[in-house]
């Protein structure tokens, strides 16, 4: 989940950490998170 204090995405399953763009900061993950396009429609 999102770690507001560190501004990282932290995986609760295996402990990997990703930066705000989803790029790996610490493993065991070796690949970045898949990017998805979001659209804020105000709903």
C-alpha atoms as a PDB file:
ATOM      1  CA  UNK A   1       0.000   0.000   0.000  1.00  0.00           C
ATOM      2  CA  UNK A   2       0.910   3.662  -0.196  1.00  0.00           C
ATOM      3  CA  UNK A   3       3.333   4.824   2.527  1.00  0.00           C
ATOM      4  CA  UNK A   4       2.573   8.543   2.888  1.00  0.00           C
ATOM      5  CA  UNK A   5       5.495   9.223   5.248  1.00  0.00           C
ATOM      6  CA  UNK A   6       8.078   7.727   2.863  1.00  0.00           C
ATOM      7  CA  UNK A   7       6.186   8.479  -0.386  1.00  0.00           C
ATOM      8  CA  UNK A   8       6.616   4.846  -1.475  1.00  0.00           C
ATOM      9  CA  UNK A   9       4.453   1.900  -2.453  1.00  0.00           C
ATOM     10  CA  UNK A  10       5.207  -0.910   0.033  1.00  0.00           C
ATOM     11  CA  UNK A  11       4.245  -4.519  -0.708  1.00  0.00           C
ATOM     12  CA  UNK A  12       2.835  -6.223   2.408  1.00  0.00           C
ATOM     13  CA  UNK A  13       3.367  -9.692   0.862  1.00  0.00           C
ATOM     14  CA  UNK A  14       7.099  -9.714   0.156  1.00  0.00           C
ATOM     15  CA  UNK A  15       8.410  -6.368   1.426  1.00  0.00           C
ATOM     16  CA  UNK A  16       9.441  -4.778  -1.861  1.00  0.00           C
ATOM     17  CA  UNK A  17       9.338  -0.986  -2.018  1.00  0.00           C
ATOM     18  CA  UNK A  18       8.608   1.140  -5.073  1.00  0.00           C
ATOM     19  CA  UNK A  19       8.919   4.858  -5.701  1.00  0.00           C
ATOM     20  CA  UNK A  20       5.975   7.089  -6.597  1.00  0.00           C
ATOM     21  CA  UNK A  21       6.301   6.015 -10.265  1.00  0.00           C
ATOM     22  CA  UNK A  22       6.322   2.298  -9.426  1.00  0.00           C
ATOM     23  CA  UNK A  23      10.048   1.748  -9.981  1.00  0.00           C
ATOM     24  CA  UNK A  24      11.752  -0.739  -7.636  1.00  0.00           C
ATOM     25  CA  UNK A  25      13.631   0.807  -4.713  1.00  0.00           C
ATOM     26  CA  UNK A  26      14.288  -2.408  -2.760  1.00  0.00           C
ATOM     27  CA  UNK A  27      13.654  -6.073  -3.575  1.00  0.00           C
ATOM     28  CA  UNK A  28      12.979  -8.881  -3.731  1.00  0.00           C
ATOM     29  CA  UNK A  29      11.037  -7.523  -6.733  1.00  0.00           C
ATOM     30  CA  UNK A  30      13.128  -7.085  -9.876  1.00  0.00           C
ATOM     31  CA  UNK A  31      10.550  -5.395 -12.108  1.00  0.00           C
ATOM     32  CA  UNK A  32       8.715  -2.109 -11.817  1.00  0.00           C
ATOM     33  CA  UNK A  33       4.988  -2.067 -11.205  1.00  0.00           C
ATOM     34  CA  UNK A  34       2.795  -2.155 -14.296  1.00  0.00           C
ATOM     35  CA  UNK A  35       1.591   1.325 -15.153  1.00  0.00           C
ATOM     36  CA  UNK A  36      -2.100   1.920 -15.754  1.00  0.00           C
ATOM     37  CA  UNK A  37      -3.803   5.008 -17.088  1.00  0.00           C
ATOM     38  CA  UNK A  38      -6.312   6.690 -14.795  1.00  0.00           C
ATOM     39  CA  UNK A  39      -8.926   9.253 -15.694  1.00  0.00           C
ATOM     40  CA  UNK A  40     -10.320  11.545 -13.013  1.00  0.00           C
ATOM     41  CA  UNK A  41     -13.875  12.254 -14.095  1.00  0.00           C
ATOM     42  CA  UNK A  42     -14.857  13.847 -10.798  1.00  0.00           C
ATOM     43  CA  UNK A  43     -17.191  10.995  -9.834  1.00  0.00           C
END
